[in-house]
Structures are given as C-alpha cells and as structure tokens.
C-alpha cells in the first residue's frame, strides 16, 4: 500500500462517534477523507478531515455532490454511515448514477435481509441462535386484541425501521427504537397510536440482562476480524454510554453462529450483533443485527479493532491486511451521555424505563467518577491527538440547548 492513497467519501459523517471514528481511522493512515454532513458535527473539526461538505436536502442533490467531489478529488471510494444512506447509495450505484466512485457496501438484497428483523430472526432461529418470542399484528383488529398468552413486560420494535421512518414522519409519529409495555392495556394504547399508519411494530417478550455485542468483519465468507464488548451503561436505552471491550473466548458458539449467519447472507464488511445475556438464568437472546457502523464504534477504534480501515483496505484496495489482536478491558464512554443519564436518574427516573432494572444514584455516580479518573478510560469524542472535535461538540451542544430553551420560552409566552 505504497504511494498516495485513493480518497474516500463518507456520507452521514454527522452520526455520533461513528462518523468521527471513520474520519480519524482513515485520516490517520494517510487517506484523504471527504465527509458529507447533514448538520455541523464533531467530525467536521477533526484534524484528519480533508474537506467537509453540507448535504443537500434532496437525494438527487446529494448524488450530484458526491459525483462533484469525486470529479475534483479523483476516483474515490464511498462509505455510508446509516441504513438509509446505504440504501440510497446502493440504489444510485445499481442505477449507474455514481461516476468515478466505488461504493463499499453490501448488495441491495443483503441490506434488505439485514434491515428486516423478521428475516433476521428467522435465519437466526434456523441456525440455532436464540431469538425472542414475537407477535406481529397485521391489522387494527388484531392490534386491539393482543393474545392472552403474551408475556409482560414486552418490547415493541419495528421490523424495518428504515423503511418505516418516512411513513411515520408523514403522520407526525415519532419513530421509537424500543418501547416497553408493562401490561395489556398499555400495549393496546401503544399499538393504537399506529392505526393511522396501518402498520404495526413487532411485539417481543422482554429479556433482562446486559447488552453484549459481537462485531465481525466478513470477507469472502470468513471473518477477518472478531470483536466483543458489553455495555454496562446505556443512554438513551439501547445506546452505549459506557462500553468495555471483552476478550474473545475459545469455542464461542454465539460468535461462530453469528459468522455463519453472515456467511449465509453472503455479507461483505462490518456488522454488529446485539445480544442480551441474563446473568441469572444464563440465557442469551439475539436482539438486533446492524449492517452498518454502530454508535459505539469508538470502543473498537480505541481497542485496536479497525473496522473502518478494513472496509477501505480490504473491500476497496482489495489488499490483504494483517489484523493484530485487539486490547480487551478498554473502557470507552461518552461523558455527556453519562452525565445526562445521571441527571435523568436523579430528576426523571421514569426515563430509565427498562423493566426490572433498578439503579442507585450514589452507586452510578461512583462508577462514573471511577471511570472518569481512570487514565486508561477512552472517550467517544475526546482525543489528545485530535482535540478540536470535543471543543466543537461542546459549543454546538451548548448552542442547541440555548436555542431549545429559547423556543420553549417563546412558545410559553405565545400560548
């Protein structure tokens, strides 16, 4: 890999931590990085960013911008950060609308399978991966009368959240990643919310425990990189506020079956399986499969698991890469996320609504302080080698908070 490296275009670089990691991980290795943002974000101020661009509001404008960047910078690789962006880019590539660009993304069929939870669960079950018991109402009539044998608490999730997002937005209904219902009445009320849409989320049995992630980079049917971590702290629920890398275990059945599932799909590149392990019952179930870079990507980066670099080097340059063992026991956290979680725990405990979990404020504060004072702790945004993203992120968050407060006060005066 001698000489000047081909540039890469990153679409969706405003994604928290994942966009910043993509810029850092590639820029540090001498790759010219051109990133496209929906709004100002931390990655826009990284020392490793070659050039940042603001994204047009429409798809055609976005594709035109990508082509213009490649025309100026030279033949480039293209990476998408979100499921929606990957679908847009894959469709544009399949239609021949990308010029002088090589898209580093799975096929449309592979993306469709991974983004469809029903298909994912069906394939997982066939391979012997434990999945939660599910019920999916097909009509308003079914939604109004949940099965009597449905267990509570239960969890609501969309089969295809990417596809549902525009439809929910048209009806001014917020897309919820997860929603918990403690009893039958609450479930009926939650499902009633979606009657105007005519489509309903899947209802799953709830499984307590700790979130564990199995991350793999697949190439030609085999995993080039395996990476494990668990999330002792989440905020919002489902998003890692603090995560810890774990050592690989010999004969890890779940890791092998996760790789087997991706082999079955023909997946190329990075993917992350989210499991829930109950320390009491010792049972583990599959919660989700992400066919994209994930929010906690910073932990992999700090642990020495270079998923973004492998995407560029293996799928783009098509050159072999030696992958060194990553570091286990690395703690990575978002300090702002942890502080927001502690604030909610003190003043809005109902926001930490996950069933069966109870938190002691002083215990959580002590854990946060220990992690903050530990020189081995790494952060989602802060880096001594690249400090400006933290400064920019702090200023941007403060400006948004002030703007939100102003809007609330203005609304109160006019109401």
Protein backbone atom coordinates (compact mmCIF):
# COMPACT_ATOMS: atom_id res chain seq x y z
CA UNK A 1 0.00 0.00 0.00
CA UNK A 2 2.69 2.45 -1.09
CA UNK A 3 2.14 5.86 -2.66
CA UNK A 4 -0.82 8.17 -2.46
CA UNK A 5 -3.98 6.52 -1.22
CA UNK A 6 -7.26 6.97 -3.11
CA UNK A 7 -9.65 9.40 -1.39
CA UNK A 8 -12.77 8.26 0.41
CA UNK A 9 -16.15 9.99 0.65
CA UNK A 10 -18.08 9.46 3.89
CA UNK A 11 -21.83 10.12 3.72
CA UNK A 12 -23.56 10.68 7.07
CA UNK A 13 -20.47 11.84 8.96
CA UNK A 14 -22.69 13.67 11.45
CA UNK A 15 -23.52 10.31 13.03
CA UNK A 16 -22.41 10.41 16.70
CA UNK A 17 -18.97 8.83 17.17
CA UNK A 18 -19.23 6.58 14.08
CA UNK A 19 -18.66 9.49 11.70
CA UNK A 20 -15.79 10.84 13.78
CA UNK A 21 -14.18 7.40 14.03
CA UNK A 22 -14.38 6.97 10.25
CA UNK A 23 -12.58 10.29 9.71
CA UNK A 24 -9.91 9.54 12.33
CA UNK A 25 -9.30 5.91 11.46
CA UNK A 26 -8.79 6.64 7.77
CA UNK A 27 -7.15 10.05 8.06
CA UNK A 28 -4.51 8.76 10.49
CA UNK A 29 -3.46 6.25 7.82
CA UNK A 30 -2.99 8.91 5.17
CA UNK A 31 -6.33 8.53 3.42
CA UNK A 32 -7.81 11.83 2.10
CA UNK A 33 -11.26 11.95 3.73
CA UNK A 34 -14.12 13.98 2.25
CA UNK A 35 -17.12 13.90 4.59
CA UNK A 36 -20.70 14.99 3.97
CA UNK A 37 -22.79 16.25 6.91
CA UNK A 38 -26.50 16.93 7.42
CA UNK A 39 -25.56 19.41 10.14
CA UNK A 40 -22.46 20.66 11.91
CA UNK A 41 -20.93 17.88 13.97
CA UNK A 42 -17.72 16.97 15.79
CA UNK A 43 -16.12 15.21 12.82
CA UNK A 44 -16.26 18.44 10.81
CA UNK A 45 -13.50 19.83 13.04
CA UNK A 46 -11.16 16.85 13.05
CA UNK A 47 -7.55 17.45 12.03
CA UNK A 48 -7.82 14.33 9.87
CA UNK A 49 -10.65 15.67 7.69
CA UNK A 50 -9.53 16.73 4.22
CA UNK A 51 -12.74 18.56 3.35
CA UNK A 52 -16.25 18.79 4.78
CA UNK A 53 -19.47 19.47 2.85
CA UNK A 54 -23.02 20.24 3.88
CA UNK A 55 -25.54 17.81 2.45
CA UNK A 56 -28.28 18.96 0.07
CA UNK A 57 -31.84 18.33 1.24
CA UNK A 58 -32.76 16.01 -1.66
CA UNK A 59 -31.33 12.70 -2.89
CA UNK A 60 -30.53 13.96 -6.39
CA UNK A 61 -28.58 16.87 -4.95
CA UNK A 62 -26.67 14.52 -2.65
CA UNK A 63 -25.69 12.22 -5.53
CA UNK A 64 -24.65 15.25 -7.58
CA UNK A 65 -22.44 16.45 -4.71
CA UNK A 66 -20.80 13.04 -4.36
CA UNK A 67 -20.03 12.97 -8.09
CA UNK A 68 -18.65 16.52 -7.94
CA UNK A 69 -16.30 15.59 -5.06
CA UNK A 70 -15.01 12.57 -6.99
CA UNK A 71 -14.51 14.69 -10.09
CA UNK A 72 -12.31 17.14 -8.14
CA UNK A 73 -10.54 14.67 -5.83
CA UNK A 74 -10.13 11.83 -8.30
CA UNK A 75 -11.54 8.27 -8.35
CA UNK A 76 -12.79 7.61 -4.84
CA UNK A 77 -14.26 5.04 -2.53
CA UNK A 78 -17.65 5.75 -0.92
CA UNK A 79 -18.88 4.72 2.55
CA UNK A 80 -22.32 5.29 4.10
CA UNK A 81 -22.89 5.58 7.85
CA UNK A 82 -26.63 4.85 8.22
CA UNK A 83 -29.07 2.25 6.90
CA UNK A 84 -30.94 4.93 4.96
CA UNK A 85 -27.74 6.26 3.41
CA UNK A 86 -26.64 2.75 2.44
CA UNK A 87 -29.95 2.14 0.70
CA UNK A 88 -29.73 5.45 -1.15
CA UNK A 89 -26.16 4.82 -2.24
CA UNK A 90 -26.79 1.23 -3.25
CA UNK A 91 -29.77 2.25 -5.40
CA UNK A 92 -27.74 5.05 -7.03
CA UNK A 93 -24.84 2.68 -7.72
CA UNK A 94 -27.10 -0.03 -9.17
CA UNK A 95 -28.68 2.59 -11.44
CA UNK A 96 -25.27 3.73 -12.66
CA UNK A 97 -25.58 7.22 -11.18
CA UNK A 98 -22.21 7.23 -9.39
CA UNK A 99 -19.28 8.30 -11.59
CA UNK A 100 -15.66 7.52 -10.81
CA UNK A 101 -16.72 6.05 -7.47
CA UNK A 102 -16.56 2.61 -5.94
CA UNK A 103 -19.23 2.00 -3.33
CA UNK A 104 -18.05 -0.10 -0.38
CA UNK A 105 -21.41 -1.54 0.66
CA UNK A 106 -23.32 -4.84 0.52
CA UNK A 107 -25.81 -5.61 -2.22
CA UNK A 108 -29.42 -4.41 -2.11
CA UNK A 109 -30.62 -7.93 -1.31
CA UNK A 110 -28.19 -8.30 1.59
CA UNK A 111 -29.14 -4.91 3.00
CA UNK A 112 -32.83 -5.79 2.74
CA UNK A 113 -32.37 -9.03 4.69
CA UNK A 114 -30.33 -7.44 7.48
CA UNK A 115 -32.71 -4.49 7.84
CA UNK A 116 -35.74 -6.80 8.03
CA UNK A 117 -35.91 -8.07 11.62
CA UNK A 118 -38.37 -10.82 10.73
CA UNK A 119 -35.97 -12.31 8.17
CA UNK A 120 -33.04 -11.87 10.51
CA UNK A 121 -34.82 -13.69 13.34
CA UNK A 122 -35.97 -16.47 11.01
CA UNK A 123 -32.44 -17.09 9.75
CA UNK A 124 -31.03 -16.90 13.27
CA UNK A 125 -33.56 -19.44 14.56
CA UNK A 126 -32.69 -21.84 11.73
CA UNK A 127 -29.04 -21.67 12.78
CA UNK A 128 -29.85 -22.28 16.44
CA UNK A 129 -29.38 -18.69 17.66
CA UNK A 130 -31.91 -17.99 20.45
CA UNK A 131 -34.41 -15.30 19.45
CA UNK A 132 -37.22 -13.71 21.50
CA UNK A 133 -40.80 -14.90 21.11
CA UNK A 134 -42.62 -12.42 18.88
CA UNK A 135 -46.11 -11.42 17.78
CA UNK A 136 -46.78 -9.09 14.85
CA UNK A 137 -50.30 -7.63 14.50
CA UNK A 138 -51.30 -7.37 10.85
CA UNK A 139 -54.38 -5.15 11.26
CA UNK A 140 -56.13 -2.73 13.61
CA UNK A 141 -58.43 -5.56 14.68
CA UNK A 142 -55.51 -7.75 15.73
CA UNK A 143 -53.74 -4.83 17.40
CA UNK A 144 -56.81 -4.10 19.50
CA UNK A 145 -56.84 -7.65 20.92
CA UNK A 146 -53.35 -8.85 21.88
CA UNK A 147 -53.05 -12.61 22.56
CA UNK A 148 -53.95 -13.64 26.09
CA UNK A 149 -50.76 -15.67 26.47
CA UNK A 150 -48.46 -12.77 25.61
CA UNK A 151 -45.96 -12.22 28.42
CA UNK A 152 -45.37 -8.88 30.12
CA UNK A 153 -43.42 -6.70 30.16
CA UNK A 154 -42.98 -6.72 26.40
CA UNK A 155 -40.98 -4.72 23.87
CA UNK A 156 -42.15 -3.02 20.67
CA UNK A 157 -39.77 -2.83 17.70
CA UNK A 158 -40.20 -2.13 14.01
CA UNK A 159 -39.35 -4.89 11.53
CA UNK A 160 -37.91 -2.34 9.11
CA UNK A 161 -37.30 0.94 10.97
CA UNK A 162 -35.51 2.45 7.98
CA UNK A 163 -38.46 1.86 5.68
CA UNK A 164 -40.99 2.97 8.29
CA UNK A 165 -39.30 6.26 9.18
CA UNK A 166 -40.67 8.30 6.23
CA UNK A 167 -44.20 6.93 6.68
CA UNK A 168 -44.24 7.69 10.40
CA UNK A 169 -42.86 11.15 9.73
CA UNK A 170 -45.69 11.88 7.28
CA UNK A 171 -48.18 11.09 10.06
CA UNK A 172 -46.10 13.08 12.58
CA UNK A 173 -45.47 10.00 14.69
CA UNK A 174 -42.10 9.68 16.37
CA UNK A 175 -40.02 6.64 15.45
CA UNK A 176 -39.20 4.83 18.71
CA UNK A 177 -36.29 2.41 18.60
CA UNK A 178 -37.75 0.45 21.51
CA UNK A 179 -40.86 0.86 23.64
CA UNK A 180 -41.76 -1.12 26.76
CA UNK A 181 -45.27 -2.02 27.86
CA UNK A 182 -45.83 -3.36 31.36
CA UNK A 183 -49.33 -4.76 30.84
CA UNK A 184 -52.05 -5.43 28.26
CA UNK A 185 -53.77 -2.05 28.48
CA UNK A 186 -50.51 -0.19 27.88
CA UNK A 187 -49.76 -2.41 24.89
CA UNK A 188 -53.15 -1.75 23.30
CA UNK A 189 -52.71 2.00 23.77
CA UNK A 190 -49.23 1.89 22.24
CA UNK A 191 -50.43 -0.06 19.20
CA UNK A 192 -53.45 2.25 18.78
CA UNK A 193 -51.01 5.08 18.08
CA UNK A 194 -50.14 3.44 14.75
CA UNK A 195 -53.69 2.95 13.44
CA UNK A 196 -53.37 5.98 11.09
CA UNK A 197 -50.29 4.38 9.54
CA UNK A 198 -51.90 0.97 9.07
CA UNK A 199 -48.71 -0.81 10.06
CA UNK A 200 -47.57 -2.02 13.47
CA UNK A 201 -44.32 -2.88 15.25
CA UNK A 202 -43.41 -6.38 16.35
CA UNK A 203 -44.18 -7.20 19.96
CA UNK A 204 -41.48 -9.26 21.67
CA UNK A 205 -41.09 -10.86 25.03
CA UNK A 206 -38.72 -8.90 27.23
CA UNK A 207 -35.40 -10.40 28.27
CA UNK A 208 -33.49 -8.82 31.17
CA UNK A 209 -29.74 -8.68 31.37
CA UNK A 210 -26.67 -6.94 29.98
CA UNK A 211 -26.26 -5.94 26.34
CA UNK A 212 -23.37 -7.70 24.64
CA UNK A 213 -22.16 -7.06 21.12
CA UNK A 214 -20.48 -9.44 18.71
CA UNK A 215 -18.86 -7.48 15.89
CA UNK A 216 -17.41 -9.08 12.77
CA UNK A 217 -15.76 -8.05 9.53
CA UNK A 218 -16.58 -10.57 6.82
CA UNK A 219 -14.70 -11.11 3.59
CA UNK A 220 -15.20 -13.92 1.10
CA UNK A 221 -17.21 -15.97 3.56
CA UNK A 222 -14.93 -15.78 6.57
CA UNK A 223 -14.47 -13.34 9.47
CA UNK A 224 -11.23 -11.36 9.19
CA UNK A 225 -11.91 -9.62 12.49
CA UNK A 226 -13.97 -10.57 15.55
CA UNK A 227 -14.61 -8.12 18.37
CA UNK A 228 -16.68 -8.38 21.56
CA UNK A 229 -17.86 -5.79 24.04
CA UNK A 230 -20.57 -5.28 26.65
CA UNK A 231 -22.48 -2.15 27.67
CA UNK A 232 -22.76 -1.68 31.44
CA UNK A 233 -24.36 1.74 30.92
CA UNK A 234 -26.84 2.91 28.26
CA UNK A 235 -28.35 6.30 27.49
CA UNK A 236 -30.77 6.58 25.83
CA UNK A 237 -31.87 2.97 26.36
CA UNK A 238 -30.24 0.86 23.65
CA UNK A 239 -27.32 3.26 23.07
CA UNK A 240 -23.99 2.67 24.82
CA UNK A 241 -22.99 5.46 27.22
CA UNK A 242 -20.14 3.32 28.56
CA UNK A 243 -18.78 0.17 26.95
CA UNK A 244 -15.97 -2.27 27.70
CA UNK A 245 -14.08 -4.47 25.25
CA UNK A 246 -14.01 -8.19 26.08
CA UNK A 247 -11.50 -10.88 25.25
CA UNK A 248 -12.50 -13.46 22.67
CA UNK A 249 -13.37 -16.84 24.11
CA UNK A 250 -12.32 -20.17 22.71
CA UNK A 251 -15.19 -22.15 21.18
CA UNK A 252 -17.61 -19.21 21.46
CA UNK A 253 -20.73 -20.74 19.94
CA UNK A 254 -22.56 -17.44 19.51
CA UNK A 255 -19.62 -15.86 17.70
CA UNK A 256 -19.40 -18.83 15.36
CA UNK A 257 -23.13 -18.83 14.69
CA UNK A 258 -23.08 -15.08 14.12
CA UNK A 259 -20.41 -15.56 11.48
CA UNK A 260 -22.41 -18.43 10.00
CA UNK A 261 -25.47 -16.21 9.64
CA UNK A 262 -23.46 -13.57 7.79
CA UNK A 263 -21.94 -16.29 5.61
CA UNK A 264 -25.45 -17.46 4.73
CA UNK A 265 -26.39 -13.94 3.63
CA UNK A 266 -23.12 -13.51 1.73
CA UNK A 267 -22.28 -10.41 3.76
CA UNK A 268 -19.13 -8.43 2.99
CA UNK A 269 -17.84 -5.91 5.51
CA UNK A 270 -18.69 -4.89 9.08
CA UNK A 271 -21.74 -6.00 11.05
CA UNK A 272 -22.72 -5.98 14.72
CA UNK A 273 -24.95 -8.47 16.55
CA UNK A 274 -26.59 -7.20 19.72
CA UNK A 275 -27.38 -9.89 22.27
CA UNK A 276 -28.88 -9.73 25.75
CA UNK A 277 -27.36 -12.03 28.37
CA UNK A 278 -29.23 -12.67 31.61
CA UNK A 279 -26.67 -13.26 34.39
CA UNK A 280 -29.28 -15.06 36.49
CA UNK A 281 -30.79 -17.51 34.00
CA UNK A 282 -27.61 -17.54 31.85
CA UNK A 283 -29.85 -17.31 28.78
CA UNK A 284 -28.76 -15.19 25.84
CA UNK A 285 -31.02 -13.99 23.01
CA UNK A 286 -30.47 -12.01 19.83
CA UNK A 287 -31.92 -8.51 19.94
CA UNK A 288 -30.67 -6.93 16.73
CA UNK A 289 -28.29 -7.09 13.79
CA UNK A 290 -26.79 -3.87 12.44
CA UNK A 291 -25.38 -3.98 8.93
CA UNK A 292 -23.52 -0.69 9.34
CA UNK A 293 -21.03 1.02 11.61
CA UNK A 294 -22.51 1.33 15.08
CA UNK A 295 -22.77 4.10 17.66
CA UNK A 296 -20.12 2.54 19.91
CA UNK A 297 -17.57 2.37 17.08
CA UNK A 298 -15.16 4.44 19.17
CA UNK A 299 -14.56 1.50 21.53
CA UNK A 300 -13.42 -0.70 18.65
CA UNK A 301 -11.18 2.12 17.42
CA UNK A 302 -9.53 2.65 20.82
CA UNK A 303 -9.19 -1.12 21.35
CA UNK A 304 -7.34 -1.63 18.07
CA UNK A 305 -10.15 -3.25 16.06
CA UNK A 306 -10.04 -1.23 12.78
CA UNK A 307 -13.38 -1.96 11.12
CA UNK A 308 -13.41 1.22 9.01
CA UNK A 309 -9.84 0.72 7.84
CA UNK A 310 -10.60 -2.87 6.83
CA UNK A 311 -13.57 -1.62 4.83
CA UNK A 312 -11.27 0.71 2.91
CA UNK A 313 -8.25 -1.57 2.56
CA UNK A 314 -9.89 -4.97 2.02
CA UNK A 315 -13.09 -4.07 0.17
CA UNK A 316 -11.64 -1.00 -1.57
CA UNK A 317 -7.95 -1.60 -2.25
CA UNK A 318 -8.50 -5.38 -2.30
CA UNK A 319 -5.23 -5.92 -0.49
CA UNK A 320 -4.57 -8.32 2.38
CA UNK A 321 -4.37 -6.75 5.82
CA UNK A 322 -2.77 -8.34 8.86
CA UNK A 323 -5.11 -7.90 11.83
CA UNK A 324 -3.40 -7.79 15.22
CA UNK A 325 -5.24 -8.89 18.39
CA UNK A 326 -7.23 -6.06 19.93
CA UNK A 327 -6.95 -4.92 23.56
CA UNK A 328 -9.52 -6.31 25.98
CA UNK A 329 -10.65 -4.37 29.05
CA UNK A 330 -10.63 -0.97 27.34
CA UNK A 331 -13.34 1.32 28.75
CA UNK A 332 -14.83 3.90 26.41
CA UNK A 333 -17.59 6.33 27.32
CA UNK A 334 -19.46 9.41 26.28
CA UNK A 335 -19.08 11.76 29.26
CA UNK A 336 -22.05 13.89 28.20
CA UNK A 337 -24.23 10.80 27.76
CA UNK A 338 -23.25 9.55 31.21
CA UNK A 339 -23.97 12.94 32.80
CA UNK A 340 -27.34 13.08 31.03
CA UNK A 341 -28.11 9.61 32.34
CA UNK A 342 -27.22 10.62 35.90
CA UNK A 343 -29.37 13.75 35.59
CA UNK A 344 -32.30 11.61 34.41
CA UNK A 345 -31.70 9.15 37.23
CA UNK A 346 -31.95 11.96 39.76
CA UNK A 347 -34.73 14.11 38.30
CA UNK A 348 -36.56 11.93 35.72
CA UNK A 349 -36.19 8.31 36.88
CA UNK A 350 -39.15 7.24 34.73
CA UNK A 351 -36.95 7.93 31.67
CA UNK A 352 -34.81 4.94 32.67
CA UNK A 353 -37.82 2.84 31.95
CA UNK A 354 -36.29 -0.55 31.21
CA UNK A 355 -38.28 -3.16 33.17
CA UNK A 356 -36.72 -4.96 36.06
CA UNK A 357 -33.72 -2.66 36.36
CA UNK A 358 -33.20 -0.54 39.46
CA UNK A 359 -30.44 1.98 39.88
CA UNK A 360 -28.91 3.57 42.99
CA UNK A 361 -27.85 7.11 42.26
CA UNK A 362 -24.78 7.13 44.51
CA UNK A 363 -23.59 3.83 43.04
CA UNK A 364 -23.92 5.09 39.48
CA UNK A 365 -22.15 8.34 40.37
CA UNK A 366 -19.28 6.39 41.93
CA UNK A 367 -18.91 4.25 38.81
CA UNK A 368 -18.86 7.34 36.61
CA UNK A 369 -16.24 9.08 38.76
CA UNK A 370 -14.04 5.97 38.81
CA UNK A 371 -14.16 5.72 35.03
CA UNK A 372 -13.54 9.46 34.67
CA UNK A 373 -10.47 9.33 36.91
CA UNK A 374 -9.04 6.18 35.35
CA UNK A 375 -6.23 7.22 32.94
CA UNK A 376 -7.00 4.13 30.86
CA UNK A 377 -10.53 5.34 30.03
CA UNK A 378 -11.07 6.48 26.46
CA UNK A 379 -13.84 8.69 25.11
CA UNK A 380 -16.19 8.75 22.16
CA UNK A 381 -15.20 12.28 21.12
CA UNK A 382 -12.14 13.45 23.06
CA UNK A 383 -8.64 12.60 21.89
CA UNK A 384 -5.35 14.26 22.86
CA UNK A 385 -4.18 13.83 19.27
CA UNK A 386 -7.34 15.41 17.86
CA UNK A 387 -8.83 17.77 20.50
CA UNK A 388 -10.87 20.18 18.36
CA UNK A 389 -13.88 17.85 17.85
CA UNK A 390 -14.55 17.92 21.62
CA UNK A 391 -14.35 21.72 21.71
CA UNK A 392 -16.68 22.00 18.74
CA UNK A 393 -19.05 19.35 20.08
CA UNK A 394 -19.31 21.17 23.43
CA UNK A 395 -20.03 24.51 21.76
CA UNK A 396 -22.56 23.01 19.36
CA UNK A 397 -24.41 21.22 22.18
CA UNK A 398 -24.49 24.43 24.24
CA UNK A 399 -25.84 26.42 21.29
CA UNK A 400 -28.55 23.84 20.64
CA UNK A 401 -29.53 23.78 24.31
CA UNK A 402 -29.83 27.57 24.39
CA UNK A 403 -31.86 27.55 21.16
CA UNK A 404 -34.20 24.87 22.54
CA UNK A 405 -34.69 26.84 25.78
CA UNK A 406 -35.44 29.99 23.79
CA UNK A 407 -38.04 28.16 21.67
CA UNK A 408 -39.74 26.76 24.76
CA UNK A 409 -39.92 30.15 26.46
CA UNK A 410 -41.13 31.83 23.31
CA UNK A 411 -43.80 29.15 22.90
CA UNK A 412 -44.89 29.62 26.52
CA UNK A 413 -45.31 33.38 26.00
CA UNK A 414 -47.37 32.96 22.84
CA UNK A 415 -49.64 30.21 24.18
